[in-house]
């Protein structure tokens, strides 16, 4: 098996947003047995400090793309609740990122959710959406898996769950 190059590894690690921005990473997971989705969102400032983390579940969603777009839409709720006005949102679903970056997806199977998400983000001072690799989205992925253990949305602003602490420390880098 070929080992990744240093350049490839750099692409697979989480990076801090530029100063003045908040980066929100999102991810979704599907529990086919329970027929529900879980989503995780984590928000960092330019120093890598976690500002908020969310995990939530939603019944009757078993389509991975729909789950990912719902998780992206949920980032709007975190932004609104926390008062973020300049954001970068990142997810590992290329299909959803492409839809959010596009101009018109009305006829897409999840077009209304994408349009609602973009409508909110367009009210912000500045926003960007980016695709990232799963390895660079690990904290959001772990929060999505944590969603299996909650019955309602859970938003942390401090004392973040143990499931993400090691990843967050690793992402933040040396002091």
C-alpha atoms as a PDB file:
ATOM      1  CA  UNK A   1       0.000   0.000   0.000  1.00  0.00           C
ATOM      2  CA  UNK A   2       1.342   3.396  -0.975  1.00  0.00           C
ATOM      3  CA  UNK A   3       1.783   5.949   1.803  1.00  0.00           C
ATOM      4  CA  UNK A   4       0.307   9.428   1.319  1.00  0.00           C
ATOM      5  CA  UNK A   5       2.762  12.168   0.437  1.00  0.00           C
ATOM      6  CA  UNK A   6       3.355  15.151   2.746  1.00  0.00           C
ATOM      7  CA  UNK A   7       1.281  17.315   0.377  1.00  0.00           C
ATOM      8  CA  UNK A   8      -1.630  14.841   0.436  1.00  0.00           C
ATOM      9  CA  UNK A   9      -1.501  14.706   4.243  1.00  0.00           C
ATOM     10  CA  UNK A  10      -1.723  18.487   4.444  1.00  0.00           C
ATOM     11  CA  UNK A  11      -4.998  18.388   2.491  1.00  0.00           C
ATOM     12  CA  UNK A  12      -6.352  15.782   4.904  1.00  0.00           C
ATOM     13  CA  UNK A  13      -5.871  17.862   8.058  1.00  0.00           C
ATOM     14  CA  UNK A  14      -8.159  20.484   9.499  1.00  0.00           C
ATOM     15  CA  UNK A  15      -7.010  24.078   9.008  1.00  0.00           C
ATOM     16  CA  UNK A  16      -7.910  27.176  10.994  1.00  0.00           C
ATOM     17  CA  UNK A  17     -10.021  29.896   9.369  1.00  0.00           C
ATOM     18  CA  UNK A  18      -8.458  33.265   8.688  1.00  0.00           C
ATOM     19  CA  UNK A  19      -8.765  35.915  11.377  1.00  0.00           C
ATOM     20  CA  UNK A  20     -12.244  37.389  11.734  1.00  0.00           C
ATOM     21  CA  UNK A  21     -13.972  34.239  10.483  1.00  0.00           C
ATOM     22  CA  UNK A  22     -15.587  31.297  12.207  1.00  0.00           C
ATOM     23  CA  UNK A  23     -15.263  27.897  10.567  1.00  0.00           C
ATOM     24  CA  UNK A  24     -18.143  25.464  10.990  1.00  0.00           C
ATOM     25  CA  UNK A  25     -17.543  21.870   9.998  1.00  0.00           C
ATOM     26  CA  UNK A  26     -20.586  19.653   9.581  1.00  0.00           C
ATOM     27  CA  UNK A  27     -21.167  15.967   9.049  1.00  0.00           C
ATOM     28  CA  UNK A  28     -24.058  13.521   9.076  1.00  0.00           C
ATOM     29  CA  UNK A  29     -24.412   9.845   9.877  1.00  0.00           C
ATOM     30  CA  UNK A  30     -27.248   7.440   9.144  1.00  0.00           C
ATOM     31  CA  UNK A  31     -28.584   4.800  11.519  1.00  0.00           C
ATOM     32  CA  UNK A  32     -30.453   2.495   9.149  1.00  0.00           C
ATOM     33  CA  UNK A  33     -31.773   0.281  11.960  1.00  0.00           C
ATOM     34  CA  UNK A  34     -33.389   3.204  13.787  1.00  0.00           C
ATOM     35  CA  UNK A  35     -34.206   4.959  10.490  1.00  0.00           C
ATOM     36  CA  UNK A  36     -32.755   8.274  11.539  1.00  0.00           C
ATOM     37  CA  UNK A  37     -29.905  10.610  10.850  1.00  0.00           C
ATOM     38  CA  UNK A  38     -27.498  12.189  13.252  1.00  0.00           C
ATOM     39  CA  UNK A  39     -25.548  15.340  12.576  1.00  0.00           C
ATOM     40  CA  UNK A  40     -22.583  17.029  14.135  1.00  0.00           C
ATOM     41  CA  UNK A  41     -21.354  20.588  13.835  1.00  0.00           C
ATOM     42  CA  UNK A  42     -18.285  22.196  15.345  1.00  0.00           C
ATOM     43  CA  UNK A  43     -17.351  25.890  15.192  1.00  0.00           C
ATOM     44  CA  UNK A  44     -13.780  27.194  15.599  1.00  0.00           C
ATOM     45  CA  UNK A  45     -12.291  30.667  15.577  1.00  0.00           C
ATOM     46  CA  UNK A  46      -9.018  31.661  13.871  1.00  0.00           C
ATOM     47  CA  UNK A  47      -6.942  30.400  16.818  1.00  0.00           C
ATOM     48  CA  UNK A  48      -8.524  26.948  16.604  1.00  0.00           C
ATOM     49  CA  UNK A  49     -10.519  27.481  19.785  1.00  0.00           C
ATOM     50  CA  UNK A  50     -13.856  25.692  19.782  1.00  0.00           C
ATOM     51  CA  UNK A  51     -16.730  28.168  20.103  1.00  0.00           C
ATOM     52  CA  UNK A  52     -19.612  25.707  19.844  1.00  0.00           C
ATOM     53  CA  UNK A  53     -20.391  22.080  19.125  1.00  0.00           C
ATOM     54  CA  UNK A  54     -23.722  20.503  18.300  1.00  0.00           C
ATOM     55  CA  UNK A  55     -25.052  17.003  17.905  1.00  0.00           C
ATOM     56  CA  UNK A  56     -28.589  16.185  16.982  1.00  0.00           C
ATOM     57  CA  UNK A  57     -30.740  13.451  15.523  1.00  0.00           C
ATOM     58  CA  UNK A  58     -33.704  13.522  13.192  1.00  0.00           C
ATOM     59  CA  UNK A  59     -36.090  10.641  12.540  1.00  0.00           C
ATOM     60  CA  UNK A  60     -37.048   9.158   9.179  1.00  0.00           C
ATOM     61  CA  UNK A  61     -34.003  10.310   7.212  1.00  0.00           C
ATOM     62  CA  UNK A  62     -32.103   7.447   5.595  1.00  0.00           C
ATOM     63  CA  UNK A  63     -30.717   9.061   2.449  1.00  0.00           C
ATOM     64  CA  UNK A  64     -27.075  10.119   3.035  1.00  0.00           C
ATOM     65  CA  UNK A  65     -27.245  13.167   0.733  1.00  0.00           C
ATOM     66  CA  UNK A  66     -30.444  14.425   2.385  1.00  0.00           C
ATOM     67  CA  UNK A  67     -28.825  13.896   5.794  1.00  0.00           C
ATOM     68  CA  UNK A  68     -25.763  15.903   4.724  1.00  0.00           C
ATOM     69  CA  UNK A  69     -27.824  18.816   3.411  1.00  0.00           C
ATOM     70  CA  UNK A  70     -29.900  18.858   6.619  1.00  0.00           C
ATOM     71  CA  UNK A  71     -26.656  18.996   8.606  1.00  0.00           C
ATOM     72  CA  UNK A  72     -25.427  21.882   6.414  1.00  0.00           C
ATOM     73  CA  UNK A  73     -28.773  23.641   6.936  1.00  0.00           C
ATOM     74  CA  UNK A  74     -28.395  23.110  10.689  1.00  0.00           C
ATOM     75  CA  UNK A  75     -25.189  25.188  10.584  1.00  0.00           C
ATOM     76  CA  UNK A  76     -27.435  28.188   9.882  1.00  0.00           C
ATOM     77  CA  UNK A  77     -29.140  27.620  13.238  1.00  0.00           C
ATOM     78  CA  UNK A  78     -25.796  27.526  15.037  1.00  0.00           C
ATOM     79  CA  UNK A  79     -24.681  30.728  13.263  1.00  0.00           C
ATOM     80  CA  UNK A  80     -27.888  32.504  14.192  1.00  0.00           C
ATOM     81  CA  UNK A  81     -27.821  31.311  17.813  1.00  0.00           C
ATOM     82  CA  UNK A  82     -24.162  32.259  18.280  1.00  0.00           C
ATOM     83  CA  UNK A  83     -24.285  35.513  16.298  1.00  0.00           C
ATOM     84  CA  UNK A  84     -21.618  34.573  13.733  1.00  0.00           C
ATOM     85  CA  UNK A  85     -21.515  36.938  10.744  1.00  0.00           C
ATOM     86  CA  UNK A  86     -18.405  35.854   8.773  1.00  0.00           C
ATOM     87  CA  UNK A  87     -18.288  32.107   8.298  1.00  0.00           C
ATOM     88  CA  UNK A  88     -16.650  29.315   6.379  1.00  0.00           C
ATOM     89  CA  UNK A  89     -18.648  26.110   6.321  1.00  0.00           C
ATOM     90  CA  UNK A  90     -16.978  22.840   5.447  1.00  0.00           C
ATOM     91  CA  UNK A  91     -18.370  19.402   4.845  1.00  0.00           C
ATOM     92  CA  UNK A  92     -17.137  16.170   3.321  1.00  0.00           C
ATOM     93  CA  UNK A  93     -20.119  15.687   0.989  1.00  0.00           C
ATOM     94  CA  UNK A  94     -18.994  16.949  -2.396  1.00  0.00           C
ATOM     95  CA  UNK A  95     -22.574  16.696  -3.719  1.00  0.00           C
ATOM     96  CA  UNK A  96     -23.901  19.065  -1.040  1.00  0.00           C
ATOM     97  CA  UNK A  97     -20.958  21.477  -1.232  1.00  0.00           C
ATOM     98  CA  UNK A  98     -21.382  21.679  -5.010  1.00  0.00           C
ATOM     99  CA  UNK A  99     -25.108  22.357  -4.590  1.00  0.00           C
ATOM    100  CA  UNK A 100     -24.421  25.103  -2.023  1.00  0.00           C
ATOM    101  CA  UNK A 101     -21.836  26.689  -4.328  1.00  0.00           C
ATOM    102  CA  UNK A 102     -24.145  26.551  -7.351  1.00  0.00           C
ATOM    103  CA  UNK A 103     -26.518  29.205  -8.593  1.00  0.00           C
ATOM    104  CA  UNK A 104     -29.688  27.198  -9.138  1.00  0.00           C
ATOM    105  CA  UNK A 105     -30.724  23.866  -7.691  1.00  0.00           C
ATOM    106  CA  UNK A 106     -34.502  24.263  -7.601  1.00  0.00           C
ATOM    107  CA  UNK A 107     -35.025  20.981  -9.396  1.00  0.00           C
ATOM    108  CA  UNK A 108     -32.500  19.091  -7.335  1.00  0.00           C
ATOM    109  CA  UNK A 109     -33.949  16.452  -4.946  1.00  0.00           C
ATOM    110  CA  UNK A 110     -32.947  18.615  -1.992  1.00  0.00           C
ATOM    111  CA  UNK A 111     -33.122  21.992  -3.698  1.00  0.00           C
ATOM    112  CA  UNK A 112     -35.485  23.627  -1.207  1.00  0.00           C
ATOM    113  CA  UNK A 113     -33.161  22.834   1.718  1.00  0.00           C
ATOM    114  CA  UNK A 114     -30.160  24.122  -0.210  1.00  0.00           C
ATOM    115  CA  UNK A 115     -32.031  27.304  -1.121  1.00  0.00           C
ATOM    116  CA  UNK A 116     -33.107  27.839   2.517  1.00  0.00           C
ATOM    117  CA  UNK A 117     -29.513  27.358   3.650  1.00  0.00           C
ATOM    118  CA  UNK A 118     -28.138  29.759   1.053  1.00  0.00           C
ATOM    119  CA  UNK A 119     -30.858  32.293   1.796  1.00  0.00           C
ATOM    120  CA  UNK A 120     -29.769  32.459   5.429  1.00  0.00           C
ATOM    121  CA  UNK A 121     -26.065  32.599   4.577  1.00  0.00           C
ATOM    122  CA  UNK A 122     -26.718  35.391   2.076  1.00  0.00           C
ATOM    123  CA  UNK A 123     -27.958  37.489   5.020  1.00  0.00           C
ATOM    124  CA  UNK A 124     -24.527  37.239   6.666  1.00  0.00           C
ATOM    125  CA  UNK A 125     -21.708  39.694   6.160  1.00  0.00           C
ATOM    126  CA  UNK A 126     -19.610  37.065   4.363  1.00  0.00           C
ATOM    127  CA  UNK A 127     -19.748  33.298   3.858  1.00  0.00           C
ATOM    128  CA  UNK A 128     -17.883  30.591   1.996  1.00  0.00           C
ATOM    129  CA  UNK A 129     -18.567  26.876   1.604  1.00  0.00           C
ATOM    130  CA  UNK A 130     -15.773  24.389   1.020  1.00  0.00           C
ATOM    131  CA  UNK A 131     -15.369  20.687   0.507  1.00  0.00           C
ATOM    132  CA  UNK A 132     -12.988  18.906   2.852  1.00  0.00           C
ATOM    133  CA  UNK A 133     -11.803  15.342   3.208  1.00  0.00           C
ATOM    134  CA  UNK A 134     -13.256  13.084   5.920  1.00  0.00           C
ATOM    135  CA  UNK A 135      -9.955  13.064   7.828  1.00  0.00           C
ATOM    136  CA  UNK A 136     -10.085  16.860   8.066  1.00  0.00           C
ATOM    137  CA  UNK A 137     -13.699  16.691   9.256  1.00  0.00           C
ATOM    138  CA  UNK A 138     -13.209  14.212  12.075  1.00  0.00           C
ATOM    139  CA  UNK A 139     -14.576  16.299  14.965  1.00  0.00           C
ATOM    140  CA  UNK A 140     -17.874  16.876  13.117  1.00  0.00           C
ATOM    141  CA  UNK A 141     -17.987  13.187  12.208  1.00  0.00           C
ATOM    142  CA  UNK A 142     -17.494  12.167  15.849  1.00  0.00           C
ATOM    143  CA  UNK A 143     -20.240  14.584  16.917  1.00  0.00           C
ATOM    144  CA  UNK A 144     -22.576  13.084  14.318  1.00  0.00           C
ATOM    145  CA  UNK A 145     -21.917   9.641  15.780  1.00  0.00           C
ATOM    146  CA  UNK A 146     -22.518  11.103  19.259  1.00  0.00           C
ATOM    147  CA  UNK A 147     -25.974  12.051  17.959  1.00  0.00           C
ATOM    148  CA  UNK A 148     -26.952   8.408  18.444  1.00  0.00           C
ATOM    149  CA  UNK A 149     -26.971   9.021  22.182  1.00  0.00           C
ATOM    150  CA  UNK A 150     -29.158  12.146  22.276  1.00  0.00           C
ATOM    151  CA  UNK A 151     -32.911  12.499  22.016  1.00  0.00           C
ATOM    152  CA  UNK A 152     -32.870  16.220  21.247  1.00  0.00           C
ATOM    153  CA  UNK A 153     -30.417  18.770  19.886  1.00  0.00           C
ATOM    154  CA  UNK A 154     -27.509  19.406  22.229  1.00  0.00           C
ATOM    155  CA  UNK A 155     -25.406  22.561  21.825  1.00  0.00           C
ATOM    156  CA  UNK A 156     -22.222  22.953  23.843  1.00  0.00           C
ATOM    157  CA  UNK A 157     -20.474  26.274  24.321  1.00  0.00           C
ATOM    158  CA  UNK A 158     -17.989  24.923  26.850  1.00  0.00           C
ATOM    159  CA  UNK A 159     -17.149  21.565  28.419  1.00  0.00           C
ATOM    160  CA  UNK A 160     -17.271  19.854  25.046  1.00  0.00           C
ATOM    161  CA  UNK A 161     -17.958  16.107  24.862  1.00  0.00           C
ATOM    162  CA  UNK A 162     -15.102  13.707  25.441  1.00  0.00           C
ATOM    163  CA  UNK A 163     -15.589  12.152  22.009  1.00  0.00           C
ATOM    164  CA  UNK A 164     -14.031  15.208  20.295  1.00  0.00           C
ATOM    165  CA  UNK A 165     -11.461  16.435  22.813  1.00  0.00           C
ATOM    166  CA  UNK A 166      -8.465  14.545  21.384  1.00  0.00           C
ATOM    167  CA  UNK A 167      -9.353  15.534  17.817  1.00  0.00           C
ATOM    168  CA  UNK A 168      -9.793  19.182  18.798  1.00  0.00           C
ATOM    169  CA  UNK A 169      -6.390  19.237  20.530  1.00  0.00           C
ATOM    170  CA  UNK A 170      -4.784  17.607  17.510  1.00  0.00           C
ATOM    171  CA  UNK A 171      -6.494  20.048  15.107  1.00  0.00           C
ATOM    172  CA  UNK A 172      -5.436  23.092  17.145  1.00  0.00           C
ATOM    173  CA  UNK A 173      -1.786  22.110  16.817  1.00  0.00           C
ATOM    174  CA  UNK A 174       1.131  23.054  19.046  1.00  0.00           C
ATOM    175  CA  UNK A 175       0.770  26.063  21.296  1.00  0.00           C
END
